[in-house]
Amino acid sequence: MVVISEVQKIGIGLIGFGLFFLVFGVLLYFDSVLLAFGNILFLTGLTFIIGFRRMAHFFCQRHKFRSSFFFLGGVSLVLCRWPIIGMLVESYGFVLLFRSFFPMALGFVLSAVNIPYLSAFFSSSSSMV
């Protein structure tokens, strides 16, 4: 079993609130204050979970420089009150930065068939084809 420290629990909460504010900011027609607050909370939570040194190493790798530039540039554009352009640039950087994690996340979602309540939902929806 994985042991999660108190600081990492705070980081998980910060990331959750950050994602909430990001989604809420998009739903309210790209409200720049909510998007900026969500970005700050997301990056702070990521720092709390993996640590400052690991986060700096993750963003400063040579082969991830372009994606880090787009992601952090998008965050800075949102902070400068250009929310639509900033979110587009940030989304492009996010996809480039985390593209190695997408197959693992897709595998996890596809393994949801083994979860008791979700398996009944997926088995009933697959018969409608």
Foldseek 3Di string as FASTA:
>chain_A
DDDDDPLLVVLVVLLVQLVVLCVVCVVVVNDLVSPLSSVVSNVVSVCSNPNDVVVCCLLPDPVLVVLSCQQVVLSVCSVVVPRPVSVVSNVSSVCSSCVVCVVVVVVVVVVCCPPVVVVVVVVVVVVVD
